């Protein structure tokens, strides 16, 4: 009780210096900023990860036909990559042609009543630094007056303000991606961050991004960039990292002591490193959710913004059954989850650095006939765009209907 009272009192005390307090932010952003969100709506449960604009970067995948395909699958929610690095030329300037394409993509989603979770994990930074060529790099934390880090945070807030202003039709915004994964949190100046250093930078990012998002659209809803247990981080890492974020918030040294000033919805990526066991999955996710309950004393909507199975770790039959079992488990035993976004719609066998890591996750073989996508189990060339067993399993559990060979090339 004493701890709760202290937190309440701290939340209404304005912080001196650089930051504005949460109370001032609420007034500045309007009466809806601190509104209580409704409970998770599992009519959006069957989600998908699909980079809709990738056809304009690497090949000529028809995103309109892809949306029809997702509709046939039964997809109700889409984690939509909306990177500032593609849509913007600097923190204050949108690219008109790319914005027009994204507007059309969003219109296709609306046509099928698909919920959009807009995700951006790019930022603008000093390109002359050792990791300056990586759009996900972050500078070392330095809160001293006039530091580059503080300038970068200001640009980060501006980037989000500009991005969200351009797309008022998007309600949910996911702030960055895998904030506890060194692969997506490389140090701009070189070297690596510890988990505590990542948590400190992530807490700042969540606060500044939220300010920019709510200045642009007071009705927008912020989502923590999905944290992960992959990349050798070990079981329980999501719990530990989430607690580090909450510890930072409670300290009063990161701009506010009110968690919703940082993220209004939580998100994580509950990949499993062993054969899928539903009971284990439900238990592990509940333990992560308990961290929210213990620190906030209230329910909070959760998005599982990535979850999938690779045929390099299991057979196609096992993957198909796992899709049915895990979506059923979320529906029946995890009411706090609104959407679970399957990673991913297509195999990606394209010329970008991480293709080999994700190519066996897709529900469909790569629809681009110019690349060689092979069946994992046999090594034979797959028919471009053809559905795997997992696609039919997803359609079954999601209650979809219709043709799943829309992208399939003629044999």
Protein backbone atom coordinates (compact mmCIF):
# COMPACT_ATOMS: atom_id res chain seq x y z
CA UNK A 1 0.00 0.00 0.00
CA UNK A 2 2.82 2.38 0.94
CA UNK A 3 4.61 1.64 -2.34
CA UNK A 4 1.42 2.33 -4.33
CA UNK A 5 0.84 5.63 -2.51
CA UNK A 6 4.41 6.68 -3.18
CA UNK A 7 4.02 5.95 -6.86
CA UNK A 8 0.76 7.91 -7.04
CA UNK A 9 2.32 10.90 -5.31
CA UNK A 10 5.38 10.76 -7.54
CA UNK A 11 3.22 10.64 -10.64
CA UNK A 12 1.65 14.01 -9.88
CA UNK A 13 4.85 15.83 -8.98
CA UNK A 14 6.36 17.72 -11.91
CA UNK A 15 9.94 16.79 -12.66
CA UNK A 16 12.34 19.70 -12.87
CA UNK A 17 14.82 20.25 -15.66
CA UNK A 18 14.68 18.49 -18.98
CA UNK A 19 11.50 16.45 -18.71
CA UNK A 20 7.86 17.37 -18.32
CA UNK A 21 5.88 15.39 -15.81
CA UNK A 22 3.19 12.92 -16.80
CA UNK A 23 0.46 15.22 -15.48
CA UNK A 24 1.58 18.09 -17.70
CA UNK A 25 1.79 15.69 -20.63
CA UNK A 26 -1.81 14.61 -20.06
CA UNK A 27 -2.97 18.23 -20.25
CA UNK A 28 -0.78 18.95 -23.26
CA UNK A 29 -1.97 15.95 -25.26
CA UNK A 30 -5.65 16.22 -24.39
CA UNK A 31 -8.17 14.34 -22.22
CA UNK A 32 -7.87 11.07 -24.13
CA UNK A 33 -4.15 10.66 -23.50
CA UNK A 34 -4.56 8.88 -20.17
CA UNK A 35 -7.80 7.15 -20.98
CA UNK A 36 -8.24 3.62 -19.70
CA UNK A 37 -8.04 1.19 -22.60
CA UNK A 38 -10.66 -1.46 -23.17
CA UNK A 39 -9.82 -5.08 -22.49
CA UNK A 40 -8.17 -7.14 -25.21
CA UNK A 41 -10.54 -7.84 -28.09
CA UNK A 42 -9.76 -11.31 -29.36
CA UNK A 43 -11.81 -10.83 -32.49
CA UNK A 44 -8.42 -9.56 -33.74
CA UNK A 45 -6.52 -12.58 -32.44
CA UNK A 46 -5.40 -14.04 -35.77
CA UNK A 47 -2.58 -11.73 -36.75
CA UNK A 48 0.16 -11.77 -39.37
CA UNK A 49 3.61 -10.30 -39.97
CA UNK A 50 3.96 -9.09 -43.55
CA UNK A 51 6.22 -6.34 -44.91
CA UNK A 52 3.74 -5.04 -47.45
CA UNK A 53 6.10 -2.53 -49.05
CA UNK A 54 8.88 -5.08 -49.65
CA UNK A 55 7.72 -5.56 -53.23
CA UNK A 56 8.96 -2.05 -53.96
CA UNK A 57 12.39 -2.76 -52.53
CA UNK A 58 13.36 -6.26 -53.60
CA UNK A 59 10.86 -7.74 -56.05
CA UNK A 60 7.41 -7.30 -57.53
CA UNK A 61 5.11 -9.02 -55.02
CA UNK A 62 1.51 -7.89 -55.51
CA UNK A 63 0.46 -6.55 -52.11
CA UNK A 64 -3.18 -6.20 -53.15
CA UNK A 65 -3.36 -9.88 -53.98
CA UNK A 66 -1.45 -10.59 -50.76
CA UNK A 67 -4.14 -8.81 -48.75
CA UNK A 68 -6.80 -10.89 -50.48
CA UNK A 69 -4.77 -13.97 -49.58
CA UNK A 70 -4.58 -12.88 -45.92
CA UNK A 71 -8.33 -12.28 -45.93
CA UNK A 72 -8.85 -15.84 -47.19
CA UNK A 73 -6.56 -17.09 -44.42
CA UNK A 74 -8.71 -15.37 -41.80
CA UNK A 75 -6.14 -12.72 -40.82
CA UNK A 76 -7.68 -10.01 -38.62
CA UNK A 77 -4.62 -7.99 -37.57
CA UNK A 78 -1.41 -7.01 -39.34
CA UNK A 79 1.91 -5.96 -37.89
CA UNK A 80 2.80 -3.49 -40.61
CA UNK A 81 6.41 -2.36 -41.09
CA UNK A 82 6.34 1.45 -41.44
CA UNK A 83 10.01 2.35 -41.15
CA UNK A 84 11.03 5.98 -40.99
CA UNK A 85 14.06 5.06 -43.09
CA UNK A 86 11.80 4.18 -46.01
CA UNK A 87 9.04 6.74 -45.52
CA UNK A 88 11.12 9.75 -44.48
CA UNK A 89 14.24 11.61 -45.62
CA UNK A 90 14.88 13.25 -42.23
CA UNK A 91 13.01 13.65 -38.91
CA UNK A 92 10.77 16.39 -40.31
CA UNK A 93 10.27 15.34 -43.94
CA UNK A 94 8.07 12.61 -45.42
CA UNK A 95 8.74 11.15 -48.88
CA UNK A 96 5.62 11.83 -50.93
CA UNK A 97 5.86 8.83 -53.27
CA UNK A 98 6.49 6.34 -50.47
CA UNK A 99 3.70 7.84 -48.35
CA UNK A 100 1.31 7.41 -51.29
CA UNK A 101 2.23 3.72 -51.54
CA UNK A 102 1.75 3.21 -47.80
CA UNK A 103 -1.60 5.00 -47.93
CA UNK A 104 -2.69 2.52 -50.59
CA UNK A 105 -1.44 -0.40 -48.48
CA UNK A 106 -3.44 0.87 -45.49
CA UNK A 107 -6.51 1.27 -47.70
CA UNK A 108 -6.22 -2.40 -48.71
CA UNK A 109 -6.09 -3.41 -45.06
CA UNK A 110 -9.16 -1.30 -44.32
CA UNK A 111 -10.96 -2.94 -47.25
CA UNK A 112 -10.76 -6.25 -45.38
CA UNK A 113 -11.25 -4.74 -41.88
CA UNK A 114 -7.73 -5.75 -40.86
CA UNK A 115 -6.38 -4.07 -37.73
CA UNK A 116 -3.03 -2.31 -38.23
CA UNK A 117 -0.16 -2.25 -35.75
CA UNK A 118 2.27 0.25 -37.30
CA UNK A 119 5.85 -0.61 -36.37
CA UNK A 120 9.01 1.44 -36.88
CA UNK A 121 12.43 0.40 -35.63
CA UNK A 122 14.56 2.74 -37.71
CA UNK A 123 15.93 6.08 -36.56
CA UNK A 124 18.07 8.92 -37.86
CA UNK A 125 21.58 9.17 -36.42
CA UNK A 126 25.21 10.06 -37.13
CA UNK A 127 26.15 8.03 -40.23
CA UNK A 128 29.87 8.65 -39.67
CA UNK A 129 29.96 6.48 -36.54
CA UNK A 130 31.23 2.86 -36.67
CA UNK A 131 27.68 1.46 -36.82
CA UNK A 132 26.20 4.45 -38.60
CA UNK A 133 25.15 2.31 -41.56
CA UNK A 134 22.75 0.32 -39.39
CA UNK A 135 19.37 2.08 -39.20
CA UNK A 136 18.61 0.39 -35.86
CA UNK A 137 21.80 1.59 -34.13
CA UNK A 138 21.46 3.68 -30.96
CA UNK A 139 24.02 6.01 -29.34
CA UNK A 140 25.37 5.43 -25.86
CA UNK A 141 23.29 7.07 -23.15
CA UNK A 142 24.69 10.43 -22.07
CA UNK A 143 22.30 12.73 -20.20
CA UNK A 144 24.78 15.60 -19.82
CA UNK A 145 23.67 18.97 -21.16
CA UNK A 146 24.31 19.39 -24.88
CA UNK A 147 25.18 15.72 -25.46
CA UNK A 148 24.66 14.05 -28.82
CA UNK A 149 22.40 11.52 -27.08
CA UNK A 150 19.96 14.24 -26.00
CA UNK A 151 19.99 15.71 -29.51
CA UNK A 152 19.27 12.23 -30.86
CA UNK A 153 16.34 11.77 -28.48
CA UNK A 154 14.89 15.10 -29.60
CA UNK A 155 15.17 13.96 -33.23
CA UNK A 156 13.63 10.64 -32.24
CA UNK A 157 10.56 12.37 -30.79
CA UNK A 158 10.30 14.56 -33.88
CA UNK A 159 10.55 11.53 -36.16
CA UNK A 160 7.63 9.86 -34.44
CA UNK A 161 5.60 13.09 -34.46
CA UNK A 162 6.13 13.49 -38.20
CA UNK A 163 5.46 9.83 -38.98
CA UNK A 164 2.25 9.57 -36.95
CA UNK A 165 1.00 12.93 -38.27
CA UNK A 166 1.20 11.54 -41.79
CA UNK A 167 -0.93 8.48 -40.97
CA UNK A 168 -3.87 9.47 -38.73
CA UNK A 169 -5.70 6.33 -39.89
CA UNK A 170 -3.28 4.16 -37.86
CA UNK A 171 -4.37 3.75 -34.24
CA UNK A 172 -1.69 1.44 -32.78
CA UNK A 173 2.03 2.26 -33.01
CA UNK A 174 4.72 -0.19 -31.95
CA UNK A 175 7.85 1.62 -30.76
CA UNK A 176 10.92 -0.16 -32.10
CA UNK A 177 11.51 -3.92 -32.11
CA UNK A 178 13.24 -6.40 -29.78
CA UNK A 179 14.59 -3.74 -27.47
CA UNK A 180 16.57 -6.38 -25.54
CA UNK A 181 18.19 -7.97 -28.61
CA UNK A 182 21.69 -6.76 -29.52
CA UNK A 183 20.98 -7.47 -33.18
CA UNK A 184 18.38 -4.67 -33.18
CA UNK A 185 20.13 -2.53 -30.55
CA UNK A 186 23.67 -2.17 -31.91
CA UNK A 187 25.79 0.53 -30.30
CA UNK A 188 26.25 3.42 -32.72
CA UNK A 189 29.77 4.12 -31.51
CA UNK A 190 30.80 0.46 -31.64
CA UNK A 191 30.90 -2.25 -29.01
CA UNK A 192 27.84 -3.72 -27.34
CA UNK A 193 25.31 -2.73 -24.71
CA UNK A 194 24.57 -4.66 -21.54
CA UNK A 195 20.94 -5.55 -20.84
CA UNK A 196 20.78 -2.71 -18.29
CA UNK A 197 22.16 -0.24 -20.84
CA UNK A 198 19.62 -1.45 -23.41
CA UNK A 199 16.85 -1.06 -20.84
CA UNK A 200 17.95 2.50 -20.01
CA UNK A 201 18.04 3.52 -23.68
CA UNK A 202 14.77 1.71 -24.37
CA UNK A 203 13.04 3.53 -21.50
CA UNK A 204 14.11 6.87 -22.95
CA UNK A 205 12.99 5.81 -26.43
CA UNK A 206 9.57 4.73 -25.21
CA UNK A 207 9.05 8.01 -23.37
CA UNK A 208 10.18 10.28 -26.20
CA UNK A 209 8.37 8.28 -28.89
CA UNK A 210 5.17 8.32 -26.83
CA UNK A 211 5.40 12.11 -26.49
CA UNK A 212 5.80 12.50 -30.24
CA UNK A 213 3.02 10.03 -31.02
CA UNK A 214 0.51 11.66 -28.67
CA UNK A 215 1.37 15.18 -29.81
CA UNK A 216 0.57 14.02 -33.33
CA UNK A 217 -2.54 12.03 -32.41
CA UNK A 218 -3.89 12.09 -28.84
CA UNK A 219 -6.09 9.09 -29.68
CA UNK A 220 -3.20 6.93 -30.85
CA UNK A 221 -2.23 3.98 -28.66
CA UNK A 222 1.41 3.16 -27.98
CA UNK A 223 2.79 -0.38 -27.96
CA UNK A 224 6.14 -1.36 -26.48
CA UNK A 225 8.48 -2.71 -29.16
CA UNK A 226 8.18 -6.48 -28.80
CA UNK A 227 10.93 -7.89 -26.57
CA UNK A 228 12.28 -11.36 -27.23
CA UNK A 229 13.87 -14.45 -25.74
CA UNK A 230 15.76 -15.41 -28.90
CA UNK A 231 19.43 -14.82 -29.72
CA UNK A 232 20.61 -16.83 -26.74
CA UNK A 233 19.12 -14.48 -24.17
CA UNK A 234 17.85 -17.40 -22.14
CA UNK A 235 14.57 -18.37 -20.57
CA UNK A 236 13.02 -15.61 -18.49
CA UNK A 237 14.81 -12.76 -20.25
CA UNK A 238 11.55 -11.05 -21.17
CA UNK A 239 10.52 -11.01 -17.51
CA UNK A 240 13.86 -9.63 -16.39
CA UNK A 241 14.04 -6.96 -19.09
CA UNK A 242 10.46 -5.83 -18.54
CA UNK A 243 11.21 -5.45 -14.84
CA UNK A 244 14.26 -3.32 -15.67
CA UNK A 245 11.95 -1.01 -17.65
CA UNK A 246 9.53 -0.79 -14.74
CA UNK A 247 12.39 -0.14 -12.30
CA UNK A 248 13.54 2.73 -14.49
CA UNK A 249 10.03 4.19 -14.63
CA UNK A 250 9.57 3.91 -10.86
CA UNK A 251 12.89 5.67 -10.27
CA UNK A 252 11.46 8.97 -11.53
CA UNK A 253 14.61 9.59 -13.56
CA UNK A 254 13.16 8.90 -17.01
CA UNK A 255 10.55 11.62 -17.44
CA UNK A 256 7.50 10.13 -15.69
CA UNK A 257 6.56 7.52 -13.12
CA UNK A 258 3.37 6.61 -14.98
CA UNK A 259 3.91 3.49 -17.18
CA UNK A 260 1.32 4.53 -19.76
CA UNK A 261 3.54 7.52 -20.58
CA UNK A 262 5.96 4.92 -21.97
CA UNK A 263 3.68 2.21 -23.41
CA UNK A 264 -0.07 1.74 -23.21
CA UNK A 265 0.12 -1.84 -24.47
CA UNK A 266 2.83 -4.41 -23.89
CA UNK A 267 4.34 -6.65 -26.54
CA UNK A 268 6.76 -9.53 -26.70
CA UNK A 269 7.92 -12.33 -29.00
CA UNK A 270 7.46 -15.69 -27.27
CA UNK A 271 9.54 -17.86 -29.60
CA UNK A 272 10.34 -21.31 -28.25
CA UNK A 273 13.71 -22.97 -28.65
CA UNK A 274 12.40 -26.50 -28.11
CA UNK A 275 9.55 -28.60 -29.43
CA UNK A 276 6.30 -26.74 -28.84
CA UNK A 277 4.61 -27.51 -25.55
CA UNK A 278 1.39 -25.62 -25.04
CA UNK A 279 1.40 -25.81 -21.24
CA UNK A 280 4.92 -24.39 -21.11
CA UNK A 281 3.93 -21.63 -23.55
CA UNK A 282 0.92 -20.56 -21.48
CA UNK A 283 2.90 -20.63 -18.22
CA UNK A 284 5.85 -18.63 -19.57
CA UNK A 285 3.59 -15.95 -21.01
CA UNK A 286 1.60 -15.71 -17.77
CA UNK A 287 4.82 -15.13 -15.85
CA UNK A 288 5.69 -12.23 -18.16
CA UNK A 289 2.18 -10.82 -17.79
CA UNK A 290 2.47 -11.11 -14.00
CA UNK A 291 5.31 -8.57 -14.14
CA UNK A 292 2.79 -6.08 -15.55
CA UNK A 293 0.23 -6.86 -12.88
CA UNK A 294 2.78 -6.61 -10.07
CA UNK A 295 4.10 -3.25 -11.24
CA UNK A 296 0.92 -1.57 -12.47
CA UNK A 297 -1.79 -3.18 -10.39
CA UNK A 298 -4.05 -3.31 -13.44
CA UNK A 299 -4.59 -5.30 -16.59
CA UNK A 300 -2.85 -4.18 -19.75
CA UNK A 301 -3.54 -5.22 -23.31
CA UNK A 302 -0.79 -7.35 -24.88
CA UNK A 303 0.19 -7.96 -28.50
CA UNK A 304 2.39 -10.93 -29.34
CA UNK A 305 3.82 -9.09 -32.34
CA UNK A 306 5.89 -12.07 -33.52
CA UNK A 307 5.37 -15.78 -32.99
CA UNK A 308 6.23 -18.55 -35.42
CA UNK A 309 7.75 -21.92 -36.13
CA UNK A 310 10.56 -22.84 -38.51
CA UNK A 311 10.75 -26.04 -40.52
CA UNK A 312 14.44 -26.17 -39.68
CA UNK A 313 13.39 -27.04 -36.11
CA UNK A 314 10.32 -29.21 -36.77
CA UNK A 315 8.48 -30.97 -39.56
CA UNK A 316 5.76 -29.27 -41.59
CA UNK A 317 3.18 -31.50 -39.91
CA UNK A 318 4.41 -30.44 -36.44
CA UNK A 319 4.39 -26.79 -37.47
CA UNK A 320 0.82 -27.03 -38.76
CA UNK A 321 -0.40 -28.66 -35.56
CA UNK A 322 1.49 -26.15 -33.42
CA UNK A 323 -0.25 -23.26 -35.18
CA UNK A 324 -3.65 -24.74 -34.28
CA UNK A 325 -2.63 -25.61 -30.73
CA UNK A 326 -1.03 -22.27 -29.86
CA UNK A 327 -3.75 -20.03 -31.26
CA UNK A 328 -6.31 -22.18 -29.46
CA UNK A 329 -4.33 -21.86 -26.21
CA UNK A 330 -4.18 -18.06 -26.49
CA UNK A 331 -7.92 -17.89 -27.13
CA UNK A 332 -8.82 -20.18 -24.25
CA UNK A 333 -6.16 -19.39 -21.63
CA UNK A 334 -4.59 -15.99 -22.38
CA UNK A 335 -7.42 -13.41 -22.41
CA UNK A 336 -5.00 -10.49 -22.06
CA UNK A 337 -3.67 -11.04 -25.62
CA UNK A 338 -5.50 -9.12 -28.36
CA UNK A 339 -3.51 -10.30 -31.40
CA UNK A 340 -0.78 -12.87 -32.03
CA UNK A 341 1.05 -12.04 -35.26
CA UNK A 342 2.35 -15.10 -37.02
CA UNK A 343 5.91 -14.72 -38.29
CA UNK A 344 5.45 -14.66 -41.27
CA UNK A 345 3.28 -14.72 -44.40
CA UNK A 346 5.95 -15.67 -46.96
CA UNK A 347 9.37 -17.22 -46.86
CA UNK A 348 11.92 -14.51 -47.57
CA UNK A 349 14.64 -15.66 -49.93
CA UNK A 350 15.88 -12.26 -50.97
CA UNK A 351 19.09 -10.35 -51.00
CA UNK A 352 19.11 -8.87 -47.54
CA UNK A 353 21.26 -9.80 -44.61
CA UNK A 354 18.88 -11.82 -42.45
CA UNK A 355 17.00 -13.81 -45.09
CA UNK A 356 18.61 -17.12 -44.13
CA UNK A 357 17.29 -16.77 -40.59
CA UNK A 358 13.63 -16.38 -41.53
CA UNK A 359 13.16 -18.20 -44.80
CA UNK A 360 11.70 -21.37 -43.27
CA UNK A 361 9.08 -19.61 -41.14
CA UNK A 362 6.63 -18.58 -43.85
CA UNK A 363 3.17 -20.04 -44.42
CA UNK A 364 3.80 -19.74 -48.16
CA UNK A 365 6.88 -20.26 -50.28
CA UNK A 366 8.40 -17.09 -51.71
CA UNK A 367 6.14 -15.81 -54.50
CA UNK A 368 9.05 -14.26 -56.40
CA UNK A 369 9.91 -16.69 -59.24
CA UNK A 370 13.35 -15.11 -59.66
CA UNK A 371 14.65 -16.57 -56.38
CA UNK A 372 15.32 -20.18 -55.48
CA UNK A 373 13.18 -21.16 -52.51
CA UNK A 374 13.59 -24.78 -51.48
CA UNK A 375 11.49 -27.20 -49.47
CA UNK A 376 13.31 -27.55 -46.15
CA UNK A 377 12.67 -31.28 -45.76
CA UNK A 378 13.74 -32.37 -49.24
CA UNK A 379 15.84 -29.58 -50.73
CA UNK A 380 13.78 -29.57 -53.93
CA UNK A 381 12.70 -26.28 -55.48
CA UNK A 382 9.31 -25.14 -54.23
CA UNK A 383 6.56 -23.82 -56.46
CA UNK A 384 6.72 -20.01 -55.97
CA UNK A 385 3.88 -18.70 -53.82
CA UNK A 386 2.46 -22.13 -53.00
CA UNK A 387 0.87 -22.71 -49.58
CA UNK A 388 2.44 -24.95 -46.95
CA UNK A 389 0.53 -27.15 -44.53
CA UNK A 390 0.81 -24.37 -41.99
CA UNK A 391 -1.26 -22.08 -44.21
CA UNK A 392 -4.16 -24.52 -44.20
CA UNK A 393 -3.80 -24.95 -40.44
CA UNK A 394 -3.92 -21.16 -39.91
CA UNK A 395 -6.99 -20.91 -42.11
CA UNK A 396 -8.67 -23.69 -40.14
CA UNK A 397 -8.05 -22.21 -36.69
CA UNK A 398 -8.80 -18.63 -37.80
CA UNK A 399 -12.06 -19.59 -39.49
CA UNK A 400 -10.95 -18.28 -42.87
CA UNK A 401 -12.16 -19.49 -46.23
CA UNK A 402 -11.22 -19.13 -49.86
CA UNK A 403 -8.41 -19.85 -52.26
CA UNK A 404 -4.88 -20.13 -50.80
CA UNK A 405 -3.18 -20.50 -54.19
CA UNK A 406 -3.68 -16.89 -55.30
CA UNK A 407 0.07 -16.26 -55.38
CA UNK A 408 1.06 -19.67 -56.68
CA UNK A 409 2.96 -19.71 -59.96
CA UNK A 410 1.81 -22.05 -62.71
CA UNK A 411 3.74 -25.32 -62.56
